[in-house]
Amino acid sequence: MTTIRFHLMSTLSPAEVMHVLTDFGPTRPDAWPSIDAEHFTVHARGENWAEVTEGTAAAWERARYDWDPAGDTVTVTTLDSKLFGAGGGWVFTITPDLPGCRVDVELTRTPAAFKGKLLAALLPLVGPSSLRKSFALPLKAA
């Protein structure tokens, strides 16, 4: 299992970041450059959870998102993935930090096959900077 941690500073309020992370409407692929419309499906959704498949042809995952609408944490549990096994996922913790907020991100990957194991080994080296860049636009990060 591989775990990486990083943070970014957003100009959005904590509530706005929570909305961006948990908005599973039809425009989600437009907001997130790492999701294409062909690999975005909402399987089920409740008031504080959603089960979705999202990503691209090269790297998709089916995951369950859980959050407290009044809280500060979004937990994403990987159910299935093209590159990694079930388990692991993401934890986003949002902390007010004027003029916006700080978003702490923890990514845990459980590789299932050789390609996943290779990518998991590279994650600590290239993951934080490349993931920070992929979150910069949707989360309006500096």
C-alpha atoms as a PDB file:
ATOM      1  CA  MET A   1       0.000   0.000   0.000  1.00  0.00           C
ATOM      2  CA  THR A   2       1.273   3.477  -0.923  1.00  0.00           C
ATOM      3  CA  THR A   3       0.179   6.676   0.825  1.00  0.00           C
ATOM      4  CA  ILE A   4       1.051  10.214  -0.183  1.00  0.00           C
ATOM      5  CA  ARG A   5       0.022  13.475   1.443  1.00  0.00           C
ATOM      6  CA  PHE A   6       0.060  17.033   0.178  1.00  0.00           C
ATOM      7  CA  HIS A   7      -1.927  20.212   0.554  1.00  0.00           C
ATOM      8  CA  LEU A   8      -2.979  23.146  -1.539  1.00  0.00           C
ATOM      9  CA  MET A   9      -4.337  26.592  -0.811  1.00  0.00           C
ATOM     10  CA  SER A  10      -7.657  27.509  -2.413  1.00  0.00           C
ATOM     11  CA  THR A  11      -9.218  30.894  -2.934  1.00  0.00           C
ATOM     12  CA  LEU A  12     -12.626  29.234  -2.451  1.00  0.00           C
ATOM     13  CA  SER A  13     -14.401  29.127   0.892  1.00  0.00           C
ATOM     14  CA  PRO A  14     -14.561  25.767   2.706  1.00  0.00           C
ATOM     15  CA  ALA A  15     -18.229  25.409   1.693  1.00  0.00           C
ATOM     16  CA  GLU A  16     -17.363  26.088  -1.955  1.00  0.00           C
ATOM     17  CA  VAL A  17     -14.567  23.486  -1.909  1.00  0.00           C
ATOM     18  CA  MET A  18     -16.975  20.986  -0.346  1.00  0.00           C
ATOM     19  CA  HIS A  19     -19.434  21.719  -3.154  1.00  0.00           C
ATOM     20  CA  VAL A  20     -16.816  21.250  -5.890  1.00  0.00           C
ATOM     21  CA  LEU A  21     -15.696  17.925  -4.385  1.00  0.00           C
ATOM     22  CA  THR A  22     -19.252  16.598  -3.976  1.00  0.00           C
ATOM     23  CA  ASP A  23     -21.067  17.974  -7.036  1.00  0.00           C
ATOM     24  CA  PHE A  24     -21.902  14.933  -9.164  1.00  0.00           C
ATOM     25  CA  GLY A  25     -24.035  16.771 -11.690  1.00  0.00           C
ATOM     26  CA  PRO A  26     -23.576  16.475 -15.460  1.00  0.00           C
ATOM     27  CA  THR A  27     -20.952  19.263 -15.554  1.00  0.00           C
ATOM     28  CA  ARG A  28     -18.476  17.400 -13.306  1.00  0.00           C
ATOM     29  CA  PRO A  29     -16.306  16.305 -16.281  1.00  0.00           C
ATOM     30  CA  ASP A  30     -16.131  19.959 -17.382  1.00  0.00           C
ATOM     31  CA  ALA A  31     -14.836  21.048 -13.966  1.00  0.00           C
ATOM     32  CA  TRP A  32     -12.291  18.242 -13.480  1.00  0.00           C
ATOM     33  CA  PRO A  33      -9.643  17.767 -16.210  1.00  0.00           C
ATOM     34  CA  SER A  34      -8.977  14.195 -15.005  1.00  0.00           C
ATOM     35  CA  ILE A  35     -12.559  13.087 -15.790  1.00  0.00           C
ATOM     36  CA  ASP A  36     -13.983  12.631 -19.261  1.00  0.00           C
ATOM     37  CA  ALA A  37     -17.700  12.340 -19.978  1.00  0.00           C
ATOM     38  CA  GLU A  38     -17.346   8.802 -21.358  1.00  0.00           C
ATOM     39  CA  HIS A  39     -15.939   7.587 -18.035  1.00  0.00           C
ATOM     40  CA  PHE A  40     -18.306   9.393 -15.673  1.00  0.00           C
ATOM     41  CA  THR A  41     -21.301   7.532 -14.253  1.00  0.00           C
ATOM     42  CA  VAL A  42     -23.265   8.219 -11.097  1.00  0.00           C
ATOM     43  CA  HIS A  43     -24.446   4.795  -9.919  1.00  0.00           C
ATOM     44  CA  ALA A  44     -26.311   5.945  -6.793  1.00  0.00           C
ATOM     45  CA  ARG A  45     -26.483   9.063  -4.664  1.00  0.00           C
ATOM     46  CA  GLY A  46     -27.789  10.071  -1.261  1.00  0.00           C
ATOM     47  CA  GLU A  47     -27.773  13.213   0.844  1.00  0.00           C
ATOM     48  CA  ASN A  48     -24.179  12.760   2.026  1.00  0.00           C
ATOM     49  CA  TRP A  49     -22.776  10.053  -0.226  1.00  0.00           C
ATOM     50  CA  ALA A  50     -22.401   9.052  -3.872  1.00  0.00           C
ATOM     51  CA  GLU A  51     -21.106   6.033  -5.732  1.00  0.00           C
ATOM     52  CA  VAL A  52     -19.534   6.996  -9.037  1.00  0.00           C
ATOM     53  CA  THR A  53     -17.196   5.805 -11.741  1.00  0.00           C
ATOM     54  CA  GLU A  54     -14.931   8.571 -13.014  1.00  0.00           C
ATOM     55  CA  GLY A  55     -11.650   9.032 -14.804  1.00  0.00           C
ATOM     56  CA  THR A  56     -10.412   8.398 -18.318  1.00  0.00           C
ATOM     57  CA  ALA A  57      -9.823   5.396 -20.546  1.00  0.00           C
ATOM     58  CA  ALA A  58      -6.254   5.233 -19.182  1.00  0.00           C
ATOM     59  CA  ALA A  59      -7.204   5.458 -15.495  1.00  0.00           C
ATOM     60  CA  TRP A  60     -10.731   5.159 -14.115  1.00  0.00           C
ATOM     61  CA  GLU A  61     -12.041   4.166 -10.727  1.00  0.00           C
ATOM     62  CA  ARG A  62     -15.372   3.342  -9.151  1.00  0.00           C
ATOM     63  CA  ALA A  63     -15.563   4.915  -5.720  1.00  0.00           C
ATOM     64  CA  ARG A  64     -17.861   5.779  -2.867  1.00  0.00           C
ATOM     65  CA  TYR A  65     -17.766   9.369  -1.638  1.00  0.00           C
ATOM     66  CA  ASP A  66     -18.912  10.106   1.933  1.00  0.00           C
ATOM     67  CA  TRP A  67     -19.159  13.541   3.566  1.00  0.00           C
ATOM     68  CA  ASP A  68     -20.961  15.564   6.173  1.00  0.00           C
ATOM     69  CA  PRO A  69     -22.464  18.619   4.416  1.00  0.00           C
ATOM     70  CA  ALA A  70     -21.672  20.752   7.472  1.00  0.00           C
ATOM     71  CA  GLY A  71     -18.289  19.096   8.021  1.00  0.00           C
ATOM     72  CA  ASP A  72     -14.782  19.484   6.736  1.00  0.00           C
ATOM     73  CA  THR A  73     -13.900  16.053   5.329  1.00  0.00           C
ATOM     74  CA  VAL A  74     -14.685  14.134   2.153  1.00  0.00           C
ATOM     75  CA  THR A  75     -13.665  10.465   2.169  1.00  0.00           C
ATOM     76  CA  VAL A  76     -13.435   8.570  -1.114  1.00  0.00           C
ATOM     77  CA  THR A  77     -13.145   4.778  -0.931  1.00  0.00           C
ATOM     78  CA  THR A  78     -11.984   2.933  -4.049  1.00  0.00           C
ATOM     79  CA  LEU A  79     -14.337   0.071  -4.926  1.00  0.00           C
ATOM     80  CA  ASP A  80     -12.761  -0.878  -8.260  1.00  0.00           C
ATOM     81  CA  SER A  81     -10.082   0.603 -10.476  1.00  0.00           C
ATOM     82  CA  LYS A  82      -8.352  -0.004 -13.774  1.00  0.00           C
ATOM     83  CA  LEU A  83      -4.922   0.390 -12.175  1.00  0.00           C
ATOM     84  CA  PHE A  84      -5.354  -0.275  -8.465  1.00  0.00           C
ATOM     85  CA  GLY A  85      -7.255  -2.735  -6.333  1.00  0.00           C
ATOM     86  CA  ALA A  86     -10.223  -2.075  -4.104  1.00  0.00           C
ATOM     87  CA  GLY A  87      -9.510  -0.299  -0.853  1.00  0.00           C
ATOM     88  CA  GLY A  88      -7.529   2.818  -0.368  1.00  0.00           C
ATOM     89  CA  GLY A  89      -8.793   6.060  -1.806  1.00  0.00           C
ATOM     90  CA  TRP A  90      -8.719   9.734  -0.948  1.00  0.00           C
ATOM     91  CA  VAL A  91      -9.319  11.875   2.119  1.00  0.00           C
ATOM     92  CA  PHE A  92      -9.816  15.625   1.644  1.00  0.00           C
ATOM     93  CA  THR A  93      -9.757  17.774   4.785  1.00  0.00           C
ATOM     94  CA  ILE A  94     -10.774  21.416   4.411  1.00  0.00           C
ATOM     95  CA  THR A  95      -9.580  24.072   6.864  1.00  0.00           C
ATOM     96  CA  PRO A  96     -10.483  27.784   6.720  1.00  0.00           C
ATOM     97  CA  ASP A  97      -7.426  29.917   5.938  1.00  0.00           C
ATOM     98  CA  LEU A  98      -8.268  33.441   4.811  1.00  0.00           C
ATOM     99  CA  PRO A  99      -8.895  34.508   2.177  1.00  0.00           C
ATOM    100  CA  GLY A 100      -9.944  30.946   1.267  1.00  0.00           C
ATOM    101  CA  CYS A 101      -8.956  27.620   2.740  1.00  0.00           C
ATOM    102  CA  ARG A 102      -6.339  24.911   2.954  1.00  0.00           C
ATOM    103  CA  VAL A 103      -7.138  21.499   1.485  1.00  0.00           C
ATOM    104  CA  ASP A 104      -5.112  18.601   2.874  1.00  0.00           C
ATOM    105  CA  VAL A 105      -5.153  15.564   0.613  1.00  0.00           C
ATOM    106  CA  GLU A 106      -4.220  11.997   1.490  1.00  0.00           C
ATOM    107  CA  LEU A 107      -4.133   9.374  -1.258  1.00  0.00           C
ATOM    108  CA  THR A 108      -3.756   5.683  -0.501  1.00  0.00           C
ATOM    109  CA  ARG A 109      -3.372   3.152  -3.303  1.00  0.00           C
ATOM    110  CA  THR A 110      -3.505  -0.633  -3.102  1.00  0.00           C
ATOM    111  CA  PRO A 111      -1.916  -2.001  -6.280  1.00  0.00           C
ATOM    112  CA  ALA A 112      -3.521  -5.094  -7.773  1.00  0.00           C
ATOM    113  CA  ALA A 113      -1.377  -5.861 -10.819  1.00  0.00           C
ATOM    114  CA  PHE A 114       2.161  -5.177 -12.024  1.00  0.00           C
ATOM    115  CA  LYS A 115       1.293  -1.868 -13.711  1.00  0.00           C
ATOM    116  CA  GLY A 116      -0.467  -0.670 -10.546  1.00  0.00           C
ATOM    117  CA  LYS A 117       2.510  -1.678  -8.406  1.00  0.00           C
ATOM    118  CA  LEU A 118       4.851   0.237 -10.694  1.00  0.00           C
ATOM    119  CA  LEU A 119       2.657   3.338 -10.588  1.00  0.00           C
ATOM    120  CA  ALA A 120       2.274   3.071  -6.805  1.00  0.00           C
ATOM    121  CA  ALA A 121       6.054   3.018  -6.477  1.00  0.00           C
ATOM    122  CA  LEU A 122       6.299   6.231  -8.533  1.00  0.00           C
ATOM    123  CA  LEU A 123       3.500   8.058  -6.684  1.00  0.00           C
ATOM    124  CA  PRO A 124       5.674   9.417  -3.855  1.00  0.00           C
ATOM    125  CA  LEU A 125       8.041  10.926  -6.444  1.00  0.00           C
ATOM    126  CA  VAL A 126       5.633  12.498  -8.923  1.00  0.00           C
ATOM    127  CA  GLY A 127       2.219  12.276  -7.268  1.00  0.00           C
ATOM    128  CA  PRO A 128       2.107  15.386  -5.087  1.00  0.00           C
ATOM    129  CA  SER A 129       3.151  17.863  -7.782  1.00  0.00           C
ATOM    130  CA  SER A 130       1.089  16.327 -10.602  1.00  0.00           C
ATOM    131  CA  LEU A 131      -1.999  15.878  -8.412  1.00  0.00           C
ATOM    132  CA  ARG A 132      -1.694  19.406  -7.032  1.00  0.00           C
ATOM    133  CA  LYS A 133      -1.711  20.656 -10.649  1.00  0.00           C
ATOM    134  CA  SER A 134      -4.786  18.558 -11.525  1.00  0.00           C
ATOM    135  CA  PHE A 135      -6.678  20.014  -8.540  1.00  0.00           C
ATOM    136  CA  ALA A 136      -5.552  23.603  -9.166  1.00  0.00           C
ATOM    137  CA  LEU A 137      -8.279  24.586 -11.631  1.00  0.00           C
ATOM    138  CA  PRO A 138     -11.368  22.981 -10.034  1.00  0.00           C
ATOM    139  CA  LEU A 139     -10.368  24.026  -6.505  1.00  0.00           C
ATOM    140  CA  LYS A 140      -9.003  27.415  -7.628  1.00  0.00           C
ATOM    141  CA  ALA A 141      -5.712  26.721  -5.948  1.00  0.00           C
ATOM    142  CA  ALA A 142      -2.837  29.157  -5.903  1.00  0.00           C
END
